[in-house]
PDB file of N, CA and C in Angstrom:
ATOM      1  N   UNK A   1      -8.719 -18.101  20.624  1.00  0.00           N
ATOM      2  CA  UNK A   1      -8.316 -19.413  20.087  1.00  0.00           C
ATOM      3  C   UNK A   1      -7.511 -19.341  18.943  1.00  0.00           C
ATOM      4  N   UNK A   2      -6.366 -20.003  18.931  1.00  0.00           N
ATOM      5  CA  UNK A   2      -5.420 -20.010  17.914  1.00  0.00           C
ATOM      6  C   UNK A   2      -5.941 -20.744  16.657  1.00  0.00           C
ATOM      7  N   UNK A   3      -5.496 -20.271  15.512  1.00  0.00           N
ATOM      8  CA  UNK A   3      -5.720 -20.933  14.237  1.00  0.00           C
ATOM      9  C   UNK A   3      -4.691 -21.843  13.886  1.00  0.00           C
ATOM     10  N   UNK A   4      -4.852 -23.110  13.685  1.00  0.00           N
ATOM     11  CA  UNK A   4      -3.826 -24.004  13.439  1.00  0.00           C
ATOM     12  C   UNK A   4      -4.000 -24.514  11.950  1.00  0.00           C
ATOM     13  N   UNK A   5      -2.967 -24.602  11.232  1.00  0.00           N
ATOM     14  CA  UNK A   5      -2.963 -25.194   9.866  1.00  0.00           C
ATOM     15  C   UNK A   5      -1.761 -26.181   9.813  1.00  0.00           C
ATOM     16  N   UNK A   6      -2.110 -27.461   9.779  1.00  0.00           N
ATOM     17  CA  UNK A   6      -1.147 -28.459   9.909  1.00  0.00           C
ATOM     18  C   UNK A   6      -0.110 -28.340  10.972  1.00  0.00           C
ATOM     19  N   UNK A   7      -0.687 -27.938  12.067  1.00  0.00           N
ATOM     20  CA  UNK A   7       0.170 -27.807  13.331  1.00  0.00           C
ATOM     21  C   UNK A   7       0.876 -26.490  13.454  1.00  0.00           C
ATOM     22  N   UNK A   8       0.722 -25.587  12.441  1.00  0.00           N
ATOM     23  CA  UNK A   8       1.347 -24.227  12.516  1.00  0.00           C
ATOM     24  C   UNK A   8       0.414 -23.251  13.117  1.00  0.00           C
ATOM     25  N   UNK A   9       0.715 -22.767  14.212  1.00  0.00           N
ATOM     26  CA  UNK A   9      -0.101 -21.834  14.957  1.00  0.00           C
ATOM     27  C   UNK A   9       0.047 -20.336  14.323  1.00  0.00           C
ATOM     28  N   UNK A  10      -0.998 -19.893  13.738  1.00  0.00           N
ATOM     29  CA  UNK A  10      -0.941 -18.594  13.029  1.00  0.00           C
ATOM     30  C   UNK A  10      -0.735 -17.450  13.997  1.00  0.00           C
ATOM     31  N   UNK A  11      -1.241 -17.533  15.252  1.00  0.00           N
ATOM     32  CA  UNK A  11      -1.108 -16.504  16.291  1.00  0.00           C
ATOM     33  C   UNK A  11       0.392 -16.466  16.648  1.00  0.00           C
ATOM     34  N   UNK A  12       1.049 -17.607  16.733  1.00  0.00           N
ATOM     35  CA  UNK A  12       2.475 -17.657  17.018  1.00  0.00           C
ATOM     36  C   UNK A  12       3.357 -17.031  15.906  1.00  0.00           C
ATOM     37  N   UNK A  13       2.907 -17.362  14.617  1.00  0.00           N
ATOM     38  CA  UNK A  13       3.532 -16.777  13.472  1.00  0.00           C
ATOM     39  C   UNK A  13       3.521 -15.398  13.405  1.00  0.00           C
ATOM     40  N   UNK A  14       2.264 -14.845  13.651  1.00  0.00           N
ATOM     41  CA  UNK A  14       1.986 -13.373  13.766  1.00  0.00           C
ATOM     42  C   UNK A  14       2.950 -12.805  14.778  1.00  0.00           C
ATOM     43  N   UNK A  15       3.077 -13.350  15.994  1.00  0.00           N
ATOM     44  CA  UNK A  15       3.871 -12.798  17.080  1.00  0.00           C
ATOM     45  C   UNK A  15       5.351 -12.776  16.647  1.00  0.00           C
ATOM     46  N   UNK A  16       5.735 -13.932  16.061  1.00  0.00           N
ATOM     47  CA  UNK A  16       7.197 -14.016  15.472  1.00  0.00           C
ATOM     48  C   UNK A  16       7.447 -12.872  14.494  1.00  0.00           C
ATOM     49  N   UNK A  17       6.433 -12.662  13.482  1.00  0.00           N
ATOM     50  CA  UNK A  17       6.597 -11.678  12.603  1.00  0.00           C
ATOM     51  C   UNK A  17       6.820 -10.273  13.186  1.00  0.00           C
ATOM     52  N   UNK A  18       5.854 -10.096  14.092  1.00  0.00           N
ATOM     53  CA  UNK A  18       5.888  -8.691  14.887  1.00  0.00           C
ATOM     54  C   UNK A  18       7.197  -8.576  15.564  1.00  0.00           C
ATOM     55  N   UNK A  19       7.760  -9.514  16.228  1.00  0.00           N
ATOM     56  CA  UNK A  19       9.013  -9.527  16.848  1.00  0.00           C
ATOM     57  C   UNK A  19      10.215  -9.234  15.876  1.00  0.00           C
ATOM     58  N   UNK A  20      10.029  -9.838  14.816  1.00  0.00           N
ATOM     59  CA  UNK A  20      11.113  -9.606  13.741  1.00  0.00           C
ATOM     60  C   UNK A  20      11.140  -8.145  13.275  1.00  0.00           C
ATOM     61  N   UNK A  21       9.917  -7.663  13.178  1.00  0.00           N
ATOM     62  CA  UNK A  21       9.787  -6.186  12.769  1.00  0.00           C
ATOM     63  C   UNK A  21      10.355  -5.287  13.842  1.00  0.00           C
ATOM     64  N   UNK A  22      10.104  -5.570  15.083  1.00  0.00           N
ATOM     65  CA  UNK A  22      10.594  -4.834  16.193  1.00  0.00           C
ATOM     66  C   UNK A  22      12.132  -4.796  16.277  1.00  0.00           C
ATOM     67  N   UNK A  23      12.651  -5.977  15.930  1.00  0.00           N
ATOM     68  CA  UNK A  23      14.134  -6.010  15.959  1.00  0.00           C
ATOM     69  C   UNK A  23      14.744  -5.087  14.953  1.00  0.00           C
ATOM     70  N   UNK A  24      14.099  -5.077  13.747  1.00  0.00           N
ATOM     71  CA  UNK A  24      14.562  -4.181  12.649  1.00  0.00           C
ATOM     72  C   UNK A  24      14.423  -2.771  13.024  1.00  0.00           C
ATOM     73  N   UNK A  25      13.379  -2.356  13.685  1.00  0.00           N
ATOM     74  CA  UNK A  25      13.097  -0.978  13.982  1.00  0.00           C
ATOM     75  C   UNK A  25      14.066  -0.533  15.094  1.00  0.00           C
ATOM     76  N   UNK A  26      14.317  -1.509  16.109  1.00  0.00           N
ATOM     77  CA  UNK A  26      15.240  -1.052  17.186  1.00  0.00           C
ATOM     78  C   UNK A  26      16.685  -0.851  16.636  1.00  0.00           C
ATOM     79  N   UNK A  27      16.987  -1.742  15.693  1.00  0.00           N
ATOM     80  CA  UNK A  27      18.390  -1.561  15.171  1.00  0.00           C
ATOM     81  C   UNK A  27      18.594  -0.387  14.354  1.00  0.00           C
ATOM     82  N   UNK A  28      17.489   0.104  13.651  1.00  0.00           N
ATOM     83  CA  UNK A  28      17.755   1.306  12.709  1.00  0.00           C
ATOM     84  C   UNK A  28      17.355   2.592  13.446  1.00  0.00           C
ATOM     85  N   UNK A  29      16.618   2.574  14.642  1.00  0.00           N
ATOM     86  CA  UNK A  29      16.358   3.777  15.336  1.00  0.00           C
ATOM     87  C   UNK A  29      17.499   4.700  15.520  1.00  0.00           C
ATOM     88  N   UNK A  30      18.745   4.317  15.945  1.00  0.00           N
ATOM     89  CA  UNK A  30      19.897   5.136  16.208  1.00  0.00           C
ATOM     90  C   UNK A  30      20.146   6.032  14.937  1.00  0.00           C
ATOM     91  N   UNK A  31      19.946   5.493  13.724  1.00  0.00           N
ATOM     92  CA  UNK A  31      20.209   6.254  12.525  1.00  0.00           C
ATOM     93  C   UNK A  31      19.224   7.296  12.365  1.00  0.00           C
ATOM     94  N   UNK A  32      17.926   7.103  12.609  1.00  0.00           N
ATOM     95  CA  UNK A  32      16.937   8.049  12.484  1.00  0.00           C
ATOM     96  C   UNK A  32      17.043   8.995  13.630  1.00  0.00           C
ATOM     97  N   UNK A  33      17.272   8.557  14.811  1.00  0.00           N
ATOM     98  CA  UNK A  33      17.444   9.370  15.891  1.00  0.00           C
ATOM     99  C   UNK A  33      18.573  10.410  15.771  1.00  0.00           C
ATOM    100  N   UNK A  34      19.702   9.916  15.371  1.00  0.00           N
ATOM    101  CA  UNK A  34      20.912  10.790  15.143  1.00  0.00           C
ATOM    102  C   UNK A  34      20.599  11.944  14.219  1.00  0.00           C
ATOM    103  N   UNK A  35      19.875  11.541  13.027  1.00  0.00           N
ATOM    104  CA  UNK A  35      19.560  12.622  12.042  1.00  0.00           C
ATOM    105  C   UNK A  35      18.657  13.669  12.613  1.00  0.00           C
ATOM    106  N   UNK A  36      17.575  13.119  13.424  1.00  0.00           N
ATOM    107  CA  UNK A  36      16.570  14.100  13.966  1.00  0.00           C
ATOM    108  C   UNK A  36      17.229  14.961  15.000  1.00  0.00           C
ATOM    109  N   UNK A  37      18.110  14.421  15.824  1.00  0.00           N
ATOM    110  CA  UNK A  37      18.851  15.218  16.780  1.00  0.00           C
ATOM    111  C   UNK A  37      19.790  16.124  16.229  1.00  0.00           C
ATOM    112  N   UNK A  38      20.557  15.695  15.148  1.00  0.00           N
ATOM    113  CA  UNK A  38      21.422  16.640  14.496  1.00  0.00           C
ATOM    114  C   UNK A  38      20.582  17.857  13.959  1.00  0.00           C
ATOM    115  N   UNK A  39      19.455  17.580  13.226  1.00  0.00           N
ATOM    116  CA  UNK A  39      18.615  18.664  12.644  1.00  0.00           C
ATOM    117  C   UNK A  39      18.113  19.592  13.723  1.00  0.00           C
ATOM    118  N   UNK A  40      17.792  19.037  14.815  1.00  0.00           N
ATOM    119  CA  UNK A  40      17.330  19.905  16.022  1.00  0.00           C
ATOM    120  C   UNK A  40      18.431  20.755  16.460  1.00  0.00           C
ATOM    121  N   UNK A  41      19.734  20.147  16.643  1.00  0.00           N
ATOM    122  CA  UNK A  41      20.795  20.948  17.154  1.00  0.00           C
ATOM    123  C   UNK A  41      21.172  22.153  16.089  1.00  0.00           C
ATOM    124  N   UNK A  42      20.980  21.834  14.899  1.00  0.00           N
ATOM    125  CA  UNK A  42      21.347  22.871  13.771  1.00  0.00           C
ATOM    126  C   UNK A  42      20.265  24.000  13.935  1.00  0.00           C
ATOM    127  N   UNK A  43      19.061  23.640  14.172  1.00  0.00           N
ATOM    128  CA  UNK A  43      17.998  24.652  14.319  1.00  0.00           C
ATOM    129  C   UNK A  43      18.193  25.524  15.497  1.00  0.00           C
ATOM    130  N   UNK A  44      18.696  24.910  16.532  1.00  0.00           N
ATOM    131  CA  UNK A  44      19.045  25.753  17.857  1.00  0.00           C
ATOM    132  C   UNK A  44      20.175  26.680  17.529  1.00  0.00           C
ATOM    133  N   UNK A  45      21.222  26.211  16.928  1.00  0.00           N
ATOM    134  CA  UNK A  45      22.319  27.099  16.464  1.00  0.00           C
ATOM    135  C   UNK A  45      21.834  28.151  15.608  1.00  0.00           C
ATOM    136  N   UNK A  46      21.026  27.876  14.613  1.00  0.00           N
ATOM    137  CA  UNK A  46      20.558  28.879  13.716  1.00  0.00           C
ATOM    138  C   UNK A  46      19.822  29.967  14.504  1.00  0.00           C
ATOM    139  N   UNK A  47      19.023  29.587  15.458  1.00  0.00           N
ATOM    140  CA  UNK A  47      18.245  30.437  16.282  1.00  0.00           C
ATOM    141  C   UNK A  47      19.203  31.488  17.151  1.00  0.00           C
ATOM    142  N   UNK A  48      20.161  30.771  17.733  1.00  0.00           N
ATOM    143  CA  UNK A  48      21.124  31.590  18.395  1.00  0.00           C
ATOM    144  C   UNK A  48      21.905  32.677  17.491  1.00  0.00           C
ATOM    145  N   UNK A  49      22.225  32.167  16.328  1.00  0.00           N
ATOM    146  CA  UNK A  49      22.890  33.094  15.320  1.00  0.00           C
ATOM    147  C   UNK A  49      21.861  34.245  14.812  1.00  0.00           C
ATOM    148  N   UNK A  50      20.705  33.845  14.580  1.00  0.00           N
ATOM    149  CA  UNK A  50      19.792  34.894  14.058  1.00  0.00           C
ATOM    150  C   UNK A  50      19.559  35.815  15.222  1.00  0.00           C
ATOM    151  N   UNK A  51      19.363  35.417  16.478  1.00  0.00           N
ATOM    152  CA  UNK A  51      19.204  36.381  17.620  1.00  0.00           C
ATOM    153  C   UNK A  51      20.340  37.307  17.719  1.00  0.00           C
ATOM    154  N   UNK A  52      21.588  36.778  17.687  1.00  0.00           N
ATOM    155  CA  UNK A  52      22.708  37.580  17.842  1.00  0.00           C
ATOM    156  C   UNK A  52      22.832  38.689  16.738  1.00  0.00           C
ATOM    157  N   UNK A  53      22.756  38.173  15.471  1.00  0.00           N
ATOM    158  CA  UNK A  53      22.759  39.088  14.272  1.00  0.00           C
ATOM    159  C   UNK A  53      21.694  40.036  14.331  1.00  0.00           C
ATOM    160  N   UNK A  54      20.533  39.762  14.881  1.00  0.00           N
ATOM    161  CA  UNK A  54      19.302  40.711  14.963  1.00  0.00           C
ATOM    162  C   UNK A  54      19.680  41.681  15.968  1.00  0.00           C
ATOM    163  N   UNK A  55      20.193  41.336  17.049  1.00  0.00           N
ATOM    164  CA  UNK A  55      20.709  42.229  18.259  1.00  0.00           C
ATOM    165  C   UNK A  55      21.751  43.148  17.721  1.00  0.00           C
ATOM    166  N   UNK A  56      22.596  42.748  17.014  1.00  0.00           N
ATOM    167  CA  UNK A  56      23.712  43.512  16.526  1.00  0.00           C
ATOM    168  C   UNK A  56      23.308  44.457  15.391  1.00  0.00           C
ATOM    169  N   UNK A  57      22.081  44.279  14.781  1.00  0.00           N
ATOM    170  CA  UNK A  57      21.570  45.017  13.692  1.00  0.00           C
ATOM    171  C   UNK A  57      22.092  44.627  12.391  1.00  0.00           C
ATOM    172  N   UNK A  58      22.773  43.490  12.345  1.00  0.00           N
ATOM    173  CA  UNK A  58      23.244  42.914  11.011  1.00  0.00           C
ATOM    174  C   UNK A  58      22.274  42.411  10.161  1.00  0.00           C
ATOM    175  N   UNK A  59      21.142  41.884  10.798  1.00  0.00           N
ATOM    176  CA  UNK A  59      20.053  41.273  10.026  1.00  0.00           C
ATOM    177  C   UNK A  59      18.685  42.032  10.306  1.00  0.00           C
ATOM    178  N   UNK A  60      18.081  42.246   9.351  1.00  0.00           N
ATOM    179  CA  UNK A  60      16.631  42.914   9.424  1.00  0.00           C
ATOM    180  C   UNK A  60      15.632  41.839   9.585  1.00  0.00           C
ATOM    181  N   UNK A  61      14.432  42.119   9.963  1.00  0.00           N
ATOM    182  CA  UNK A  61      13.387  41.064  10.020  1.00  0.00           C
ATOM    183  C   UNK A  61      13.240  40.489   8.605  1.00  0.00           C
ATOM    184  N   UNK A  62      13.316  41.181   7.514  1.00  0.00           N
ATOM    185  CA  UNK A  62      13.298  40.585   6.227  1.00  0.00           C
ATOM    186  C   UNK A  62      14.421  39.623   5.948  1.00  0.00           C
ATOM    187  N   UNK A  63      15.629  40.037   6.440  1.00  0.00           N
ATOM    188  CA  UNK A  63      16.810  39.183   6.205  1.00  0.00           C
ATOM    189  C   UNK A  63      16.553  37.778   6.987  1.00  0.00           C
ATOM    190  N   UNK A  64      16.127  37.975   8.051  1.00  0.00           N
ATOM    191  CA  UNK A  64      15.801  36.745   8.914  1.00  0.00           C
ATOM    192  C   UNK A  64      14.790  35.893   8.288  1.00  0.00           C
ATOM    193  N   UNK A  65      13.765  36.417   7.688  1.00  0.00           N
ATOM    194  CA  UNK A  65      12.776  35.642   6.968  1.00  0.00           C
ATOM    195  C   UNK A  65      13.425  34.922   5.834  1.00  0.00           C
ATOM    196  N   UNK A  66      14.343  35.581   5.018  1.00  0.00           N
ATOM    197  CA  UNK A  66      14.971  34.924   3.956  1.00  0.00           C
ATOM    198  C   UNK A  66      15.769  33.847   4.387  1.00  0.00           C
ATOM    199  N   UNK A  67      16.564  34.084   5.450  1.00  0.00           N
ATOM    200  CA  UNK A  67      17.385  33.132   6.097  1.00  0.00           C
ATOM    201  C   UNK A  67      16.528  31.787   6.445  1.00  0.00           C
ATOM    202  N   UNK A  68      15.497  32.096   7.057  1.00  0.00           N
ATOM    203  CA  UNK A  68      14.629  31.052   7.680  1.00  0.00           C
ATOM    204  C   UNK A  68      14.074  30.188   6.352  1.00  0.00           C
ATOM    205  N   UNK A  69      13.733  30.910   5.308  1.00  0.00           N
ATOM    206  CA  UNK A  69      13.229  30.236   4.100  1.00  0.00           C
ATOM    207  C   UNK A  69      14.251  29.241   3.469  1.00  0.00           C
ATOM    208  N   UNK A  70      15.481  29.799   3.522  1.00  0.00           N
ATOM    209  CA  UNK A  70      16.667  28.994   3.065  1.00  0.00           C
ATOM    210  C   UNK A  70      16.887  27.786   3.883  1.00  0.00           C
ATOM    211  N   UNK A  71      16.786  28.087   5.137  1.00  0.00           N
ATOM    212  CA  UNK A  71      17.039  27.050   6.185  1.00  0.00           C
ATOM    213  C   UNK A  71      15.950  25.897   6.103  1.00  0.00           C
ATOM    214  N   UNK A  72      14.825  26.340   5.803  1.00  0.00           N
ATOM    215  CA  UNK A  72      13.666  25.334   5.725  1.00  0.00           C
ATOM    216  C   UNK A  72      13.938  24.419   4.411  1.00  0.00           C
ATOM    217  N   UNK A  73      14.577  25.078   3.322  1.00  0.00           N
ATOM    218  CA  UNK A  73      14.868  24.178   2.263  1.00  0.00           C
ATOM    219  C   UNK A  73      15.968  23.047   2.637  1.00  0.00           C
ATOM    220  N   UNK A  74      17.017  23.532   3.353  1.00  0.00           N
ATOM    221  CA  UNK A  74      17.962  22.702   3.750  1.00  0.00           C
ATOM    222  C   UNK A  74      17.410  21.650   4.803  1.00  0.00           C
ATOM    223  N   UNK A  75      16.576  22.038   5.756  1.00  0.00           N
ATOM    224  CA  UNK A  75      15.880  21.008   6.586  1.00  0.00           C
ATOM    225  C   UNK A  75      15.098  20.018   5.724  1.00  0.00           C
ATOM    226  N   UNK A  76      14.421  20.458   4.831  1.00  0.00           N
ATOM    227  CA  UNK A  76      13.581  19.574   4.074  1.00  0.00           C
ATOM    228  C   UNK A  76      14.523  18.504   3.347  1.00  0.00           C
ATOM    229  N   UNK A  77      15.580  18.994   2.839  1.00  0.00           N
ATOM    230  CA  UNK A  77      16.484  17.943   2.214  1.00  0.00           C
ATOM    231  C   UNK A  77      17.067  17.008   3.232  1.00  0.00           C
ATOM    232  N   UNK A  78      17.408  17.403   4.373  1.00  0.00           N
ATOM    233  CA  UNK A  78      17.837  16.544   5.477  1.00  0.00           C
ATOM    234  C   UNK A  78      16.786  15.625   5.907  1.00  0.00           C
ATOM    235  N   UNK A  79      15.535  16.105   5.987  1.00  0.00           N
ATOM    236  CA  UNK A  79      14.382  15.218   6.390  1.00  0.00           C
ATOM    237  C   UNK A  79      14.103  14.152   5.336  1.00  0.00           C
ATOM    238  N   UNK A  80      14.359  14.587   4.067  1.00  0.00           N
ATOM    239  CA  UNK A  80      14.272  13.579   3.001  1.00  0.00           C
ATOM    240  C   UNK A  80      15.191  12.384   3.165  1.00  0.00           C
ATOM    241  N   UNK A  81      16.357  12.675   3.679  1.00  0.00           N
ATOM    242  CA  UNK A  81      17.326  11.653   3.976  1.00  0.00           C
ATOM    243  C   UNK A  81      16.762  10.724   5.052  1.00  0.00           C
ATOM    244  N   UNK A  82      16.001  11.249   6.036  1.00  0.00           N
ATOM    245  CA  UNK A  82      15.393  10.336   6.958  1.00  0.00           C
ATOM    246  C   UNK A  82      14.258   9.517   6.187  1.00  0.00           C
ATOM    247  N   UNK A  83      13.608  10.183   5.328  1.00  0.00           N
ATOM    248  CA  UNK A  83      12.504   9.415   4.671  1.00  0.00           C
ATOM    249  C   UNK A  83      13.189   8.333   3.860  1.00  0.00           C
ATOM    250  N   UNK A  84      14.290   8.444   3.209  1.00  0.00           N
ATOM    251  CA  UNK A  84      14.966   7.442   2.580  1.00  0.00           C
ATOM    252  C   UNK A  84      15.419   6.264   3.622  1.00  0.00           C
ATOM    253  N   UNK A  85      15.954   6.629   4.702  1.00  0.00           N
ATOM    254  CA  UNK A  85      16.159   5.695   5.739  1.00  0.00           C
ATOM    255  C   UNK A  85      14.858   4.996   6.090  1.00  0.00           C
ATOM    256  N   UNK A  86      13.749   5.691   6.226  1.00  0.00           N
ATOM    257  CA  UNK A  86      12.528   5.204   6.597  1.00  0.00           C
ATOM    258  C   UNK A  86      11.954   4.164   5.555  1.00  0.00           C
ATOM    259  N   UNK A  87      12.144   4.576   4.346  1.00  0.00           N
ATOM    260  CA  UNK A  87      11.828   3.575   3.266  1.00  0.00           C
ATOM    261  C   UNK A  87      12.647   2.373   3.271  1.00  0.00           C
ATOM    262  N   UNK A  88      13.947   2.551   3.608  1.00  0.00           N
ATOM    263  CA  UNK A  88      14.653   1.339   3.671  1.00  0.00           C
ATOM    264  C   UNK A  88      14.379   0.474   4.918  1.00  0.00           C
ATOM    265  N   UNK A  89      13.922   1.182   5.947  1.00  0.00           N
ATOM    266  CA  UNK A  89      13.454   0.441   7.226  1.00  0.00           C
ATOM    267  C   UNK A  89      12.178  -0.244   6.857  1.00  0.00           C
ATOM    268  N   UNK A  90      11.263   0.416   6.042  1.00  0.00           N
ATOM    269  CA  UNK A  90      10.020  -0.234   5.749  1.00  0.00           C
ATOM    270  C   UNK A  90      10.355  -1.538   4.965  1.00  0.00           C
ATOM    271  N   UNK A  91      11.298  -1.427   4.129  1.00  0.00           N
ATOM    272  CA  UNK A  91      11.632  -2.624   3.168  1.00  0.00           C
ATOM    273  C   UNK A  91      12.256  -3.754   4.066  1.00  0.00           C
ATOM    274  N   UNK A  92      13.086  -3.306   5.069  1.00  0.00           N
ATOM    275  CA  UNK A  92      13.697  -4.388   5.976  1.00  0.00           C
ATOM    276  C   UNK A  92      12.573  -4.917   6.869  1.00  0.00           C
ATOM    277  N   UNK A  93      11.757  -4.183   7.319  1.00  0.00           N
ATOM    278  CA  UNK A  93      10.572  -4.713   8.143  1.00  0.00           C
ATOM    279  C   UNK A  93       9.759  -5.784   7.320  1.00  0.00           C
ATOM    280  N   UNK A  94       9.406  -5.242   6.058  1.00  0.00           N
ATOM    281  CA  UNK A  94       8.662  -6.236   5.143  1.00  0.00           C
ATOM    282  C   UNK A  94       9.457  -7.457   4.970  1.00  0.00           C
ATOM    283  N   UNK A  95      10.662  -7.366   4.597  1.00  0.00           N
ATOM    284  CA  UNK A  95      11.514  -8.532   4.427  1.00  0.00           C
ATOM    285  C   UNK A  95      11.476  -9.511   5.602  1.00  0.00           C
ATOM    286  N   UNK A  96      11.640  -9.006   6.800  1.00  0.00           N
ATOM    287  CA  UNK A  96      11.743  -9.748   8.043  1.00  0.00           C
ATOM    288  C   UNK A  96      10.533 -10.527   8.240  1.00  0.00           C
ATOM    289  N   UNK A  97       9.339  -9.772   8.058  1.00  0.00           N
ATOM    290  CA  UNK A  97       7.987 -10.358   8.258  1.00  0.00           C
ATOM    291  C   UNK A  97       7.640 -11.327   7.124  1.00  0.00           C
ATOM    292  N   UNK A  98       8.081 -11.033   5.981  1.00  0.00           N
ATOM    293  CA  UNK A  98       7.757 -12.061   4.777  1.00  0.00           C
ATOM    294  C   UNK A  98       8.495 -13.305   4.996  1.00  0.00           C
ATOM    295  N   UNK A  99       9.687 -13.129   5.510  1.00  0.00           N
ATOM    296  CA  UNK A  99      10.546 -14.418   5.714  1.00  0.00           C
ATOM    297  C   UNK A  99       9.912 -15.236   6.758  1.00  0.00           C
ATOM    298  N   UNK A 100       9.374 -14.664   7.788  1.00  0.00           N
ATOM    299  CA  UNK A 100       8.652 -15.465   8.846  1.00  0.00           C
ATOM    300  C   UNK A 100       7.398 -16.041   8.296  1.00  0.00           C
ATOM    301  N   UNK A 101       6.577 -15.449   7.652  1.00  0.00           N
ATOM    302  CA  UNK A 101       5.366 -15.985   6.938  1.00  0.00           C
ATOM    303  C   UNK A 101       5.676 -16.952   5.906  1.00  0.00           C
ATOM    304  N   UNK A 102       6.681 -16.658   5.124  1.00  0.00           N
ATOM    305  CA  UNK A 102       7.004 -17.667   4.018  1.00  0.00           C
ATOM    306  C   UNK A 102       7.404 -19.001   4.613  1.00  0.00           C
ATOM    307  N   UNK A 103       8.284 -19.014   5.641  1.00  0.00           N
ATOM    308  CA  UNK A 103       8.589 -20.230   6.318  1.00  0.00           C
ATOM    309  C   UNK A 103       7.379 -20.871   6.988  1.00  0.00           C
ATOM    310  N   UNK A 104       6.497 -20.199   7.589  1.00  0.00           N
ATOM    311  CA  UNK A 104       5.321 -20.848   8.275  1.00  0.00           C
ATOM    312  C   UNK A 104       4.338 -21.320   7.072  1.00  0.00           C
ATOM    313  N   UNK A 105       4.188 -20.584   6.033  1.00  0.00           N
ATOM    314  CA  UNK A 105       3.290 -21.010   4.956  1.00  0.00           C
ATOM    315  C   UNK A 105       3.803 -22.351   4.410  1.00  0.00           C
ATOM    316  N   UNK A 106       5.074 -22.448   4.109  1.00  0.00           N
ATOM    317  CA  UNK A 106       5.703 -23.705   3.636  1.00  0.00           C
ATOM    318  C   UNK A 106       5.494 -24.833   4.583  1.00  0.00           C
ATOM    319  N   UNK A 107       5.700 -24.562   5.954  1.00  0.00           N
ATOM    320  CA  UNK A 107       5.536 -25.610   6.878  1.00  0.00           C
ATOM    321  C   UNK A 107       4.062 -26.071   6.999  1.00  0.00           C
ATOM    322  N   UNK A 108       3.177 -24.995   7.004  1.00  0.00           N
ATOM    323  CA  UNK A 108       1.712 -25.336   6.985  1.00  0.00           C
ATOM    324  C   UNK A 108       1.323 -26.191   5.814  1.00  0.00           C
ATOM    325  N   UNK A 109       1.848 -25.824   4.645  1.00  0.00           N
ATOM    326  CA  UNK A 109       1.413 -26.615   3.567  1.00  0.00           C
ATOM    327  C   UNK A 109       2.255 -27.790   3.238  1.00  0.00           C
ATOM    328  N   UNK A 110       3.210 -28.150   4.107  1.00  0.00           N
ATOM    329  CA  UNK A 110       3.951 -29.263   4.044  1.00  0.00           C
ATOM    330  C   UNK A 110       4.860 -29.202   2.808  1.00  0.00           C
ATOM    331  N   UNK A 111       5.293 -28.117   2.329  1.00  0.00           N
ATOM    332  CA  UNK A 111       6.251 -27.948   1.225  1.00  0.00           C
ATOM    333  C   UNK A 111       7.659 -27.619   1.678  1.00  0.00           C
ATOM    334  N   UNK A 112       8.582 -28.009   0.895  1.00  0.00           N
ATOM    335  CA  UNK A 112      10.018 -27.622   1.224  1.00  0.00           C
ATOM    336  C   UNK A 112      10.279 -26.106   1.162  1.00  0.00           C
ATOM    337  N   UNK A 113      10.915 -25.533   2.124  1.00  0.00           N
ATOM    338  CA  UNK A 113      11.181 -24.132   2.125  1.00  0.00           C
ATOM    339  C   UNK A 113      12.092 -23.779   1.036  1.00  0.00           C
ATOM    340  N   UNK A 114      11.638 -22.741   0.269  1.00  0.00           N
ATOM    341  CA  UNK A 114      12.466 -22.363  -0.880  1.00  0.00           C
ATOM    342  C   UNK A 114      13.215 -21.139  -0.795  1.00  0.00           C
TER     343      UNK A 114
END
């Protein structure tokens, strides 16, 4: 059963807020996806490079370990850029949901929307 406050259906408001969040997530997923895919392609290239260099005798097991340690640092920095996008995404989701609830609260309380 829905909860109504002055004709404002809270279940409907919640659904609207969730849908607002979904729209934000869908619009930002390509940015996150692109970075993750790029990181994955880079890791695959590194793997092919290491294999070839190891086969040629240019890199020892120790050298490969050092290379991988350095690449882990680079990957961590790239993943942090995703975290920044994710933090921005969280803010956008919060803003969208808050806007829905703010409007519903003002309607429910009979106040002018500010």
